[in-house]
Amino acid sequence: HSILLTRLDSTFGIRDLALSFFRSYLQDRTQVVTVNGIKSSPS
């Protein structure tokens, strides 16, 4: 994530609130896996 955000800024000119949006989009994401009706704990 840190490399991606740095690249979005320096190479593609995505900055300020736009860059904050992508930072927020990437951070603190969770997922659970479901197989045959059985669900894992969030990761």
PDB file of all heavy atoms in Angstrom:
ATOM      1  N   HIS A   1       0.808  -1.215   0.000  1.00  0.00           N
ATOM      2  CA  HIS A   1       0.000   0.000   0.000  1.00  0.00           C
ATOM      3  C   HIS A   1       0.843   1.269   0.000  1.00  0.00           C
ATOM      4  O   HIS A   1       0.513   2.245  -0.688  1.00  0.00           O
ATOM      5  CB  HIS A   1      -0.941   0.006   1.209  1.00  0.00           C
ATOM      6  CG  HIS A   1      -2.004  -1.038   1.131  1.00  0.00           C
ATOM      7  ND1 HIS A   1      -2.800  -1.393   2.206  1.00  0.00           N
ATOM      8  CD2 HIS A   1      -2.422  -1.818   0.092  1.00  0.00           C
ATOM      9  CE1 HIS A   1      -3.648  -2.340   1.838  1.00  0.00           C
ATOM     10  NE2 HIS A   1      -3.434  -2.616   0.567  1.00  0.00           N
ATOM     11  N   SER A   2       1.918   1.285   0.771  1.00  0.00           N
ATOM     12  CA  SER A   2       2.749   2.493   0.847  1.00  0.00           C
ATOM     13  C   SER A   2       3.405   2.789  -0.496  1.00  0.00           C
ATOM     14  O   SER A   2       3.498   3.949  -0.913  1.00  0.00           O
ATOM     15  CB  SER A   2       3.806   2.348   1.947  1.00  0.00           C
ATOM     16  OG  SER A   2       4.668   1.259   1.669  1.00  0.00           O
ATOM     17  N   ILE A   3       3.875   1.739  -1.175  1.00  0.00           N
ATOM     18  CA  ILE A   3       4.476   1.932  -2.502  1.00  0.00           C
ATOM     19  C   ILE A   3       3.417   2.420  -3.488  1.00  0.00           C
ATOM     20  O   ILE A   3       3.666   3.336  -4.285  1.00  0.00           O
ATOM     21  CB  ILE A   3       5.120   0.630  -3.009  1.00  0.00           C
ATOM     22  CG1 ILE A   3       6.297   0.238  -2.109  1.00  0.00           C
ATOM     23  CG2 ILE A   3       5.588   0.773  -4.462  1.00  0.00           C
ATOM     24  CD1 ILE A   3       6.927  -1.088  -2.488  1.00  0.00           C
ATOM     25  N   LEU A   4       2.242   1.831  -3.448  1.00  0.00           N
ATOM     26  CA  LEU A   4       1.165   2.228  -4.357  1.00  0.00           C
ATOM     27  C   LEU A   4       0.794   3.691  -4.161  1.00  0.00           C
ATOM     28  O   LEU A   4       0.677   4.453  -5.127  1.00  0.00           O
ATOM     29  CB  LEU A   4      -0.058   1.336  -4.134  1.00  0.00           C
ATOM     30  CG  LEU A   4      -1.338   1.741  -4.872  1.00  0.00           C
ATOM     31  CD1 LEU A   4      -1.122   1.770  -6.381  1.00  0.00           C
ATOM     32  CD2 LEU A   4      -2.493   0.811  -4.514  1.00  0.00           C
ATOM     33  N   LEU A   5       0.612   4.128  -2.909  1.00  0.00           N
ATOM     34  CA  LEU A   5       0.216   5.506  -2.638  1.00  0.00           C
ATOM     35  C   LEU A   5       1.303   6.492  -3.070  1.00  0.00           C
ATOM     36  O   LEU A   5       1.007   7.559  -3.613  1.00  0.00           O
ATOM     37  CB  LEU A   5      -0.099   5.669  -1.152  1.00  0.00           C
ATOM     38  CG  LEU A   5      -1.363   4.940  -0.671  1.00  0.00           C
ATOM     39  CD1 LEU A   5      -1.447   4.957   0.845  1.00  0.00           C
ATOM     40  CD2 LEU A   5      -2.620   5.568  -1.279  1.00  0.00           C
ATOM     41  N   THR A   6       2.563   6.128  -2.840  1.00  0.00           N
ATOM     42  CA  THR A   6       3.672   6.977  -3.282  1.00  0.00           C
ATOM     43  C   THR A   6       3.685   7.104  -4.788  1.00  0.00           C
ATOM     44  O   THR A   6       3.890   8.186  -5.352  1.00  0.00           O
ATOM     45  CB  THR A   6       5.014   6.408  -2.794  1.00  0.00           C
ATOM     46  OG1 THR A   6       5.022   6.372  -1.363  1.00  0.00           O
ATOM     47  CG2 THR A   6       6.175   7.257  -3.281  1.00  0.00           C
ATOM     48  N   ARG A   7       3.415   5.995  -5.476  1.00  0.00           N
ATOM     49  CA  ARG A   7       3.417   5.985  -6.942  1.00  0.00           C
ATOM     50  C   ARG A   7       2.237   6.775  -7.501  1.00  0.00           C
ATOM     51  O   ARG A   7       2.357   7.482  -8.508  1.00  0.00           O
ATOM     52  CB  ARG A   7       3.400   4.540  -7.433  1.00  0.00           C
ATOM     53  CG  ARG A   7       3.606   4.364  -8.929  1.00  0.00           C
ATOM     54  CD  ARG A   7       4.095   2.962  -9.216  1.00  0.00           C
ATOM     55  NE  ARG A   7       5.434   2.749  -8.684  1.00  0.00           N
ATOM     56  CZ  ARG A   7       5.955   1.547  -8.405  1.00  0.00           C
ATOM     57  NH1 ARG A   7       5.237   0.458  -8.621  1.00  0.00           N
ATOM     58  NH2 ARG A   7       7.176   1.448  -7.931  1.00  0.00           N
ATOM     59  N   LEU A   8       1.083   6.677  -6.861  1.00  0.00           N
ATOM     60  CA  LEU A   8      -0.080   7.445  -7.308  1.00  0.00           C
ATOM     61  C   LEU A   8       0.213   8.938  -7.252  1.00  0.00           C
ATOM     62  O   LEU A   8      -0.203   9.704  -8.135  1.00  0.00           O
ATOM     63  CB  LEU A   8      -1.294   7.120  -6.434  1.00  0.00           C
ATOM     64  CG  LEU A   8      -1.904   5.720  -6.573  1.00  0.00           C
ATOM     65  CD1 LEU A   8      -3.068   5.556  -5.609  1.00  0.00           C
ATOM     66  CD2 LEU A   8      -2.353   5.435  -7.997  1.00  0.00           C
ATOM     67  N   ASP A   9       0.957   9.353  -6.244  1.00  0.00           N
ATOM     68  CA  ASP A   9       1.313  10.766  -6.080  1.00  0.00           C
ATOM     69  C   ASP A   9       2.394  11.187  -7.069  1.00  0.00           C
ATOM     70  O   ASP A   9       2.203  12.092  -7.885  1.00  0.00           O
ATOM     71  CB  ASP A   9       1.784  10.996  -4.638  1.00  0.00           C
ATOM     72  CG  ASP A   9       2.163  12.452  -4.376  1.00  0.00           C
ATOM     73  OD1 ASP A   9       2.169  13.271  -5.313  1.00  0.00           O
ATOM     74  OD2 ASP A   9       2.469  12.776  -3.223  1.00  0.00           O
ATOM     75  N   SER A  10       3.528  10.501  -7.032  1.00  0.00           N
ATOM     76  CA  SER A  10       4.696  10.959  -7.788  1.00  0.00           C
ATOM     77  C   SER A  10       4.608  10.692  -9.282  1.00  0.00           C
ATOM     78  O   SER A  10       5.048  11.502 -10.094  1.00  0.00           O
ATOM     79  CB  SER A  10       5.962  10.298  -7.230  1.00  0.00           C
ATOM     80  OG  SER A  10       5.891   8.881  -7.363  1.00  0.00           O
ATOM     81  N   THR A  11       4.019   9.572  -9.675  1.00  0.00           N
ATOM     82  CA  THR A  11       3.985   9.189 -11.082  1.00  0.00           C
ATOM     83  C   THR A  11       2.690   9.596 -11.778  1.00  0.00           C
ATOM     84  O   THR A  11       2.699   9.949 -12.960  1.00  0.00           O
ATOM     85  CB  THR A  11       4.183   7.669 -11.232  1.00  0.00           C
ATOM     86  OG1 THR A  11       5.380   7.275 -10.554  1.00  0.00           O
ATOM     87  CG2 THR A  11       4.283   7.260 -12.697  1.00  0.00           C
ATOM     88  N   PHE A  12       1.571   9.583 -11.042  1.00  0.00           N
ATOM     89  CA  PHE A  12       0.279   9.814 -11.677  1.00  0.00           C
ATOM     90  C   PHE A  12      -0.425  11.085 -11.202  1.00  0.00           C
ATOM     91  O   PHE A  12      -1.548  11.362 -11.641  1.00  0.00           O
ATOM     92  CB  PHE A  12      -0.629   8.599 -11.470  1.00  0.00           C
ATOM     93  CG  PHE A  12      -0.068   7.337 -12.071  1.00  0.00           C
ATOM     94  CD1 PHE A  12       0.577   6.398 -11.278  1.00  0.00           C
ATOM     95  CD2 PHE A  12      -0.146   7.107 -13.431  1.00  0.00           C
ATOM     96  CE1 PHE A  12       1.118   5.245 -11.831  1.00  0.00           C
ATOM     97  CE2 PHE A  12       0.390   5.960 -13.999  1.00  0.00           C
ATOM     98  CZ  PHE A  12       1.032   5.025 -13.196  1.00  0.00           C
ATOM     99  N   GLY A  13       0.204  11.850 -10.317  1.00  0.00           N
ATOM    100  CA  GLY A  13      -0.347  13.151  -9.940  1.00  0.00           C
ATOM    101  C   GLY A  13      -1.648  13.107  -9.182  1.00  0.00           C
ATOM    102  O   GLY A  13      -2.478  14.016  -9.294  1.00  0.00           O
ATOM    103  N   ILE A  14      -1.866  12.060  -8.393  1.00  0.00           N
ATOM    104  CA  ILE A  14      -3.073  11.949  -7.574  1.00  0.00           C
ATOM    105  C   ILE A  14      -2.713  12.425  -6.169  1.00  0.00           C
ATOM    106  O   ILE A  14      -1.919  11.789  -5.473  1.00  0.00           O
ATOM    107  CB  ILE A  14      -3.591  10.499  -7.557  1.00  0.00           C
ATOM    108  CG1 ILE A  14      -3.935  10.061  -8.984  1.00  0.00           C
ATOM    109  CG2 ILE A  14      -4.798  10.353  -6.642  1.00  0.00           C
ATOM    110  CD1 ILE A  14      -4.288   8.603  -9.111  1.00  0.00           C
ATOM    111  N   ARG A  15      -3.292  13.542  -5.746  1.00  0.00           N
ATOM    112  CA  ARG A  15      -2.833  14.210  -4.530  1.00  0.00           C
ATOM    113  C   ARG A  15      -4.000  14.717  -3.682  1.00  0.00           C
ATOM    114  O   ARG A  15      -5.156  14.630  -4.058  1.00  0.00           O
ATOM    115  CB  ARG A  15      -1.896  15.376  -4.908  1.00  0.00           C
ATOM    116  CG  ARG A  15      -0.608  14.891  -5.573  1.00  0.00           C
ATOM    117  CD  ARG A  15       0.133  15.967  -6.287  1.00  0.00           C
ATOM    118  NE  ARG A  15       1.277  15.377  -7.011  1.00  0.00           N
ATOM    119  CZ  ARG A  15       1.962  16.010  -7.945  1.00  0.00           C
ATOM    120  NH1 ARG A  15       1.644  17.234  -8.281  1.00  0.00           N
ATOM    121  NH2 ARG A  15       2.964  15.400  -8.560  1.00  0.00           N
ATOM    122  N   ASP A  16      -3.640  15.228  -2.506  1.00  0.00           N
ATOM    123  CA  ASP A  16      -4.581  15.876  -1.599  1.00  0.00           C
ATOM    124  C   ASP A  16      -5.776  14.970  -1.293  1.00  0.00           C
ATOM    125  O   ASP A  16      -5.599  13.813  -0.920  1.00  0.00           O
ATOM    126  CB  ASP A  16      -5.026  17.226  -2.172  1.00  0.00           C
ATOM    127  CG  ASP A  16      -3.841  18.172  -2.393  1.00  0.00           C
ATOM    128  OD1 ASP A  16      -2.822  17.997  -1.703  1.00  0.00           O
ATOM    129  OD2 ASP A  16      -3.931  19.060  -3.255  1.00  0.00           O
ATOM    130  N   LEU A  17      -7.011  15.477  -1.475  1.00  0.00           N
ATOM    131  CA  LEU A  17      -8.193  14.700  -1.109  1.00  0.00           C
ATOM    132  C   LEU A  17      -8.342  13.434  -1.946  1.00  0.00           C
ATOM    133  O   LEU A  17      -8.819  12.411  -1.451  1.00  0.00           O
ATOM    134  CB  LEU A  17      -9.456  15.555  -1.249  1.00  0.00           C
ATOM    135  CG  LEU A  17      -9.866  16.387  -0.034  1.00  0.00           C
ATOM    136  CD1 LEU A  17     -11.093  17.213  -0.356  1.00  0.00           C
ATOM    137  CD2 LEU A  17     -10.127  15.494   1.175  1.00  0.00           C
ATOM    138  N   ALA A  18      -7.932  13.496  -3.213  1.00  0.00           N
ATOM    139  CA  ALA A  18      -8.019  12.311  -4.069  1.00  0.00           C
ATOM    140  C   ALA A  18      -7.108  11.206  -3.532  1.00  0.00           C
ATOM    141  O   ALA A  18      -7.497  10.031  -3.474  1.00  0.00           O
ATOM    142  CB  ALA A  18      -7.638  12.666  -5.503  1.00  0.00           C
ATOM    143  N   LEU A  19      -5.896  11.584  -3.135  1.00  0.00           N
ATOM    144  CA  LEU A  19      -4.972  10.592  -2.577  1.00  0.00           C
ATOM    145  C   LEU A  19      -5.475  10.099  -1.222  1.00  0.00           C
ATOM    146  O   LEU A  19      -5.347   8.908  -0.897  1.00  0.00           O
ATOM    147  CB  LEU A  19      -3.580  11.202  -2.428  1.00  0.00           C
ATOM    148  CG  LEU A  19      -2.464  10.237  -2.004  1.00  0.00           C
ATOM    149  CD1 LEU A  19      -2.268   9.144  -3.063  1.00  0.00           C
ATOM    150  CD2 LEU A  19      -1.150  10.985  -1.781  1.00  0.00           C
ATOM    151  N   SER A  20      -6.080  10.992  -0.435  1.00  0.00           N
ATOM    152  CA  SER A  20      -6.652  10.587   0.857  1.00  0.00           C
ATOM    153  C   SER A  20      -7.753   9.562   0.666  1.00  0.00           C
ATOM    154  O   SER A  20      -7.912   8.636   1.470  1.00  0.00           O
ATOM    155  CB  SER A  20      -7.199  11.816   1.599  1.00  0.00           C
ATOM    156  OG  SER A  20      -6.169  12.721   1.921  1.00  0.00           O
ATOM    157  N   PHE A  21      -8.530   9.731  -0.411  1.00  0.00           N
ATOM    158  CA  PHE A  21      -9.599   8.767  -0.694  1.00  0.00           C
ATOM    159  C   PHE A  21      -9.017   7.382  -0.927  1.00  0.00           C
ATOM    160  O   PHE A  21      -9.500   6.388  -0.366  1.00  0.00           O
ATOM    161  CB  PHE A  21     -10.409   9.212  -1.912  1.00  0.00           C
ATOM    162  CG  PHE A  21     -11.446   8.213  -2.341  1.00  0.00           C
ATOM    163  CD1 PHE A  21     -12.723   8.252  -1.817  1.00  0.00           C
ATOM    164  CD2 PHE A  21     -11.139   7.201  -3.250  1.00  0.00           C
ATOM    165  CE1 PHE A  21     -13.677   7.314  -2.196  1.00  0.00           C
ATOM    166  CE2 PHE A  21     -12.088   6.267  -3.637  1.00  0.00           C
ATOM    167  CZ  PHE A  21     -13.355   6.328  -3.111  1.00  0.00           C
ATOM    168  N   PHE A  22      -7.974   7.290  -1.756  1.00  0.00           N
ATOM    169  CA  PHE A  22      -7.381   5.987  -2.038  1.00  0.00           C
ATOM    170  C   PHE A  22      -6.700   5.406  -0.802  1.00  0.00           C
ATOM    171  O   PHE A  22      -6.718   4.192  -0.597  1.00  0.00           O
ATOM    172  CB  PHE A  22      -6.393   6.100  -3.199  1.00  0.00           C
ATOM    173  CG  PHE A  22      -7.047   6.262  -4.534  1.00  0.00           C
ATOM    174  CD1 PHE A  22      -6.975   7.460  -5.226  1.00  0.00           C
ATOM    175  CD2 PHE A  22      -7.772   5.225  -5.100  1.00  0.00           C
ATOM    176  CE1 PHE A  22      -7.598   7.615  -6.456  1.00  0.00           C
ATOM    177  CE2 PHE A  22      -8.403   5.361  -6.325  1.00  0.00           C
ATOM    178  CZ  PHE A  22      -8.312   6.563  -7.005  1.00  0.00           C
ATOM    179  N   ARG A  23      -6.121   6.265   0.021  1.00  0.00           N
ATOM    180  CA  ARG A  23      -5.524   5.779   1.272  1.00  0.00           C
ATOM    181  C   ARG A  23      -6.603   5.191   2.174  1.00  0.00           C
ATOM    182  O   ARG A  23      -6.441   4.118   2.752  1.00  0.00           O
ATOM    183  CB  ARG A  23      -4.787   6.920   1.986  1.00  0.00           C
ATOM    184  CG  ARG A  23      -4.112   6.475   3.282  1.00  0.00           C
ATOM    185  CD  ARG A  23      -3.380   7.622   3.963  1.00  0.00           C
ATOM    186  NE  ARG A  23      -2.230   8.063   3.178  1.00  0.00           N
ATOM    187  CZ  ARG A  23      -2.173   9.197   2.498  1.00  0.00           C
ATOM    188  NH1 ARG A  23      -3.227  10.025   2.490  1.00  0.00           N
ATOM    189  NH2 ARG A  23      -1.091   9.518   1.819  1.00  0.00           N
ATOM    190  N   SER A  24      -7.723   5.906   2.277  1.00  0.00           N
ATOM    191  CA  SER A  24      -8.836   5.421   3.086  1.00  0.00           C
ATOM    192  C   SER A  24      -9.423   4.140   2.499  1.00  0.00           C
ATOM    193  O   SER A  24      -9.799   3.223   3.234  1.00  0.00           O
ATOM    194  CB  SER A  24      -9.916   6.505   3.170  1.00  0.00           C
ATOM    195  OG  SER A  24     -11.054   6.043   3.853  1.00  0.00           O
ATOM    196  N   TYR A  25      -9.480   4.077   1.174  1.00  0.00           N
ATOM    197  CA  TYR A  25     -10.018   2.889   0.497  1.00  0.00           C
ATOM    198  C   TYR A  25      -9.181   1.650   0.800  1.00  0.00           C
ATOM    199  O   TYR A  25      -9.718   0.546   0.977  1.00  0.00           O
ATOM    200  CB  TYR A  25     -10.057   3.145  -1.008  1.00  0.00           C
ATOM    201  CG  TYR A  25     -10.431   1.940  -1.836  1.00  0.00           C
ATOM    202  CD1 TYR A  25     -11.757   1.543  -1.970  1.00  0.00           C
ATOM    203  CD2 TYR A  25      -9.451   1.184  -2.489  1.00  0.00           C
ATOM    204  CE1 TYR A  25     -12.098   0.434  -2.733  1.00  0.00           C
ATOM    205  CE2 TYR A  25      -9.789   0.077  -3.255  1.00  0.00           C
ATOM    206  CZ  TYR A  25     -11.111  -0.294  -3.369  1.00  0.00           C
ATOM    207  OH  TYR A  25     -11.434  -1.399  -4.115  1.00  0.00           O
ATOM    208  N   LEU A  26      -7.864   1.813   0.893  1.00  0.00           N
ATOM    209  CA  LEU A  26      -6.961   0.677   1.082  1.00  0.00           C
ATOM    210  C   LEU A  26      -6.835   0.250   2.532  1.00  0.00           C
ATOM    211  O   LEU A  26      -6.651  -0.940   2.828  1.00  0.00           O
ATOM    212  CB  LEU A  26      -5.575   1.022   0.536  1.00  0.00           C
ATOM    213  CG  LEU A  26      -5.464   1.240  -0.985  1.00  0.00           C
ATOM    214  CD1 LEU A  26      -4.120   1.856  -1.328  1.00  0.00           C
ATOM    215  CD2 LEU A  26      -5.665  -0.067  -1.734  1.00  0.00           C
ATOM    216  N   GLN A  27      -6.918   1.190   3.448  1.00  0.00           N
ATOM    217  CA  GLN A  27      -6.634   0.899   4.850  1.00  0.00           C
ATOM    218  C   GLN A  27      -7.827   0.259   5.564  1.00  0.00           C
ATOM    219  O   GLN A  27      -8.982   0.503   5.224  1.00  0.00           O
ATOM    220  CB  GLN A  27      -6.232   2.180   5.578  1.00  0.00           C
ATOM    221  CG  GLN A  27      -4.879   2.728   5.145  1.00  0.00           C
ATOM    222  CD  GLN A  27      -4.551   4.041   5.831  1.00  0.00           C
ATOM    223  OE1 GLN A  27      -5.419   4.720   6.376  1.00  0.00           O
ATOM    224  NE2 GLN A  27      -3.274   4.415   5.793  1.00  0.00           N
ATOM    225  N   ASP A  28      -7.489  -0.553   6.555  1.00  0.00           N
ATOM    226  CA  ASP A  28      -8.483  -1.133   7.483  1.00  0.00           C
ATOM    227  C   ASP A  28      -9.544  -1.980   6.776  1.00  0.00           C
ATOM    228  O   ASP A  28     -10.695  -2.054   7.218  1.00  0.00           O
ATOM    229  CB  ASP A  28      -9.168  -0.033   8.302  1.00  0.00           C
ATOM    230  CG  ASP A  28      -8.175   0.796   9.090  1.00  0.00           C
ATOM    231  OD1 ASP A  28      -7.207   0.209   9.623  1.00  0.00           O
ATOM    232  OD2 ASP A  28      -8.350   2.026   9.172  1.00  0.00           O
ATOM    233  N   ARG A  29      -9.168  -2.641   5.702  1.00  0.00           N
ATOM    234  CA  ARG A  29     -10.093  -3.546   5.024  1.00  0.00           C
ATOM    235  C   ARG A  29     -10.058  -4.909   5.719  1.00  0.00           C
ATOM    236  O   ARG A  29      -9.009  -5.362   6.192  1.00  0.00           O
ATOM    237  CB  ARG A  29      -9.734  -3.714   3.551  1.00  0.00           C
ATOM    238  CG  ARG A  29      -9.749  -2.428   2.745  1.00  0.00           C
ATOM    239  CD  ARG A  29      -9.756  -2.718   1.253  1.00  0.00           C
ATOM    240  NE  ARG A  29     -11.061  -3.225   0.832  1.00  0.00           N
ATOM    241  CZ  ARG A  29     -12.040  -2.457   0.351  1.00  0.00           C
ATOM    242  NH1 ARG A  29     -11.853  -1.152   0.224  1.00  0.00           N
ATOM    243  NH2 ARG A  29     -13.185  -2.974  -0.003  1.00  0.00           N
ATOM    244  N   THR A  30     -11.203  -5.569   5.764  1.00  0.00           N
ATOM    245  CA  THR A  30     -11.289  -6.899   6.370  1.00  0.00           C
ATOM    246  C   THR A  30     -11.984  -7.851   5.410  1.00  0.00           C
ATOM    247  O   THR A  30     -12.682  -7.416   4.475  1.00  0.00           O
ATOM    248  CB  THR A  30     -12.070  -6.872   7.695  1.00  0.00           C
ATOM    249  OG1 THR A  30     -13.408  -6.396   7.444  1.00  0.00           O
ATOM    250  CG2 THR A  30     -11.384  -5.971   8.712  1.00  0.00           C
ATOM    251  N   GLN A  31     -11.806  -9.128   5.648  1.00  0.00           N
ATOM    252  CA  GLN A  31     -12.481 -10.131   4.831  1.00  0.00           C
ATOM    253  C   GLN A  31     -12.745 -11.381   5.647  1.00  0.00           C
ATOM    254  O   GLN A  31     -12.046 -11.670   6.629  1.00  0.00           O
ATOM    255  CB  GLN A  31     -11.647 -10.494   3.602  1.00  0.00           C
ATOM    256  CG  GLN A  31     -10.359 -11.249   3.909  1.00  0.00           C
ATOM    257  CD  GLN A  31      -9.589 -11.630   2.663  1.00  0.00           C
ATOM    258  OE1 GLN A  31      -9.692 -10.985   1.634  1.00  0.00           O
ATOM    259  NE2 GLN A  31      -8.799 -12.687   2.763  1.00  0.00           N
ATOM    260  N   VAL A  32     -13.763 -12.105   5.249  1.00  0.00           N
ATOM    261  CA  VAL A  32     -14.040 -13.435   5.790  1.00  0.00           C
ATOM    262  C   VAL A  32     -14.124 -14.391   4.613  1.00  0.00           C
ATOM    263  O   VAL A  32     -14.464 -13.983   3.492  1.00  0.00           O
ATOM    264  CB  VAL A  32     -15.357 -13.480   6.605  1.00  0.00           C
ATOM    265  CG1 VAL A  32     -15.269 -12.586   7.823  1.00  0.00           C
ATOM    266  CG2 VAL A  32     -16.539 -13.083   5.725  1.00  0.00           C
ATOM    267  N   VAL A  33     -13.807 -15.638   4.843  1.00  0.00           N
ATOM    268  CA  VAL A  33     -13.852 -16.656   3.794  1.00  0.00           C
ATOM    269  C   VAL A  33     -14.995 -17.616   4.103  1.00  0.00           C
ATOM    270  O   VAL A  33     -15.134 -18.072   5.247  1.00  0.00           O
ATOM    271  CB  VAL A  33     -12.521 -17.423   3.699  1.00  0.00           C
ATOM    272  CG1 VAL A  33     -12.594 -18.485   2.609  1.00  0.00           C
ATOM    273  CG2 VAL A  33     -11.367 -16.460   3.424  1.00  0.00           C
ATOM    274  N   THR A  34     -15.812 -17.887   3.089  1.00  0.00           N
ATOM    275  CA  THR A  34     -16.906 -18.842   3.264  1.00  0.00           C
ATOM    276  C   THR A  34     -16.709 -20.029   2.321  1.00  0.00           C
ATOM    277  O   THR A  34     -16.467 -19.846   1.135  1.00  0.00           O
ATOM    278  CB  THR A  34     -18.265 -18.185   2.969  1.00  0.00           C
ATOM    279  OG1 THR A  34     -18.289 -17.733   1.618  1.00  0.00           O
ATOM    280  CG2 THR A  34     -18.512 -17.011   3.898  1.00  0.00           C
ATOM    281  N   VAL A  35     -16.790 -21.211   2.885  1.00  0.00           N
ATOM    282  CA  VAL A  35     -16.675 -22.455   2.116  1.00  0.00           C
ATOM    283  C   VAL A  35     -17.734 -23.424   2.628  1.00  0.00           C
ATOM    284  O   VAL A  35     -17.762 -23.742   3.821  1.00  0.00           O
ATOM    285  CB  VAL A  35     -15.275 -23.082   2.245  1.00  0.00           C
ATOM    286  CG1 VAL A  35     -15.204 -24.392   1.459  1.00  0.00           C
ATOM    287  CG2 VAL A  35     -14.195 -22.119   1.763  1.00  0.00           C
ATOM    288  N   ASN A  36     -18.598 -23.862   1.730  1.00  0.00           N
ATOM    289  CA  ASN A  36     -19.653 -24.823   2.084  1.00  0.00           C
ATOM    290  C   ASN A  36     -20.485 -24.355   3.275  1.00  0.00           C
ATOM    291  O   ASN A  36     -20.838 -25.125   4.174  1.00  0.00           O
ATOM    292  CB  ASN A  36     -19.038 -26.193   2.394  1.00  0.00           C
ATOM    293  CG  ASN A  36     -18.356 -26.799   1.188  1.00  0.00           C
ATOM    294  OD1 ASN A  36     -18.769 -26.582   0.051  1.00  0.00           O
ATOM    295  ND2 ASN A  36     -17.295 -27.558   1.424  1.00  0.00           N
ATOM    296  N   GLY A  37     -20.791 -23.058   3.298  1.00  0.00           N
ATOM    297  CA  GLY A  37     -21.632 -22.515   4.351  1.00  0.00           C
ATOM    298  C   GLY A  37     -20.915 -22.209   5.648  1.00  0.00           C
ATOM    299  O   GLY A  37     -21.532 -21.701   6.598  1.00  0.00           O
ATOM    300  N   ILE A  38     -19.631 -22.522   5.731  1.00  0.00           N
ATOM    301  CA  ILE A  38     -18.860 -22.251   6.949  1.00  0.00           C
ATOM    302  C   ILE A  38     -18.061 -20.970   6.749  1.00  0.00           C
ATOM    303  O   ILE A  38     -17.375 -20.808   5.734  1.00  0.00           O
ATOM    304  CB  ILE A  38     -17.911 -23.419   7.275  1.00  0.00           C
ATOM    305  CG1 ILE A  38     -18.726 -24.702   7.460  1.00  0.00           C
ATOM    306  CG2 ILE A  38     -17.092 -23.127   8.529  1.00  0.00           C
ATOM    307  CD1 ILE A  38     -17.865 -25.934   7.665  1.00  0.00           C
ATOM    308  N   LYS A  39     -18.160 -20.062   7.728  1.00  0.00           N
ATOM    309  CA  LYS A  39     -17.519 -18.754   7.608  1.00  0.00           C
ATOM    310  C   LYS A  39     -16.375 -18.615   8.604  1.00  0.00           C
ATOM    311  O   LYS A  39     -16.490 -18.994   9.769  1.00  0.00           O
ATOM    312  CB  LYS A  39     -18.561 -17.652   7.834  1.00  0.00           C
ATOM    313  CG  LYS A  39     -18.038 -16.243   7.642  1.00  0.00           C
ATOM    314  CD  LYS A  39     -19.164 -15.226   7.588  1.00  0.00           C
ATOM    315  CE  LYS A  39     -19.933 -15.171   8.889  1.00  0.00           C
ATOM    316  NZ  LYS A  39     -20.954 -14.096   8.868  1.00  0.00           N
ATOM    317  N   SER A  40     -15.265 -18.059   8.118  1.00  0.00           N
ATOM    318  CA  SER A  40     -14.106 -17.838   8.980  1.00  0.00           C
ATOM    319  C   SER A  40     -14.296 -16.575   9.817  1.00  0.00           C
ATOM    320  O   SER A  40     -15.227 -15.804   9.600  1.00  0.00           O
ATOM    321  CB  SER A  40     -12.837 -17.703   8.132  1.00  0.00           C
ATOM    322  OG  SER A  40     -12.841 -16.463   7.443  1.00  0.00           O
ATOM    323  N   SER A  41     -13.404 -16.353  10.753  1.00  0.00           N
ATOM    324  CA  SER A  41     -13.398 -15.097  11.504  1.00  0.00           C
ATOM    325  C   SER A  41     -12.795 -14.010  10.617  1.00  0.00           C
ATOM    326  O   SER A  41     -12.013 -14.297   9.715  1.00  0.00           O
ATOM    327  CB  SER A  41     -12.581 -15.247  12.785  1.00  0.00           C
ATOM    328  OG  SER A  41     -11.258 -15.668  12.478  1.00  0.00           O
ATOM    329  N   PRO A  42     -13.131 -12.740  10.846  1.00  0.00           N
ATOM    330  CA  PRO A  42     -12.610 -11.646  10.005  1.00  0.00           C
ATOM    331  C   PRO A  42     -11.087 -11.525  10.105  1.00  0.00           C
ATOM    332  O   PRO A  42     -10.497 -11.727  11.162  1.00  0.00           O
ATOM    333  CB  PRO A  42     -13.298 -10.398  10.572  1.00  0.00           C
ATOM    334  CG  PRO A  42     -14.487 -10.918  11.306  1.00  0.00           C
ATOM    335  CD  PRO A  42     -14.094 -12.259  11.849  1.00  0.00           C
ATOM    336  N   SER A  43     -10.471 -11.194   8.980  1.00  0.00           N
ATOM    337  CA  SER A  43      -9.025 -10.976   8.926  1.00  0.00           C
ATOM    338  C   SER A  43      -8.749  -9.591   8.377  1.00  0.00           C
ATOM    339  O   SER A  43      -9.407  -9.143   7.432  1.00  0.00           O
ATOM    340  CB  SER A  43      -8.344 -12.025   8.030  1.00  0.00           C
ATOM    341  OG  SER A  43      -8.515 -13.323   8.542  1.00  0.00           O
TER     342      SER A  43
END
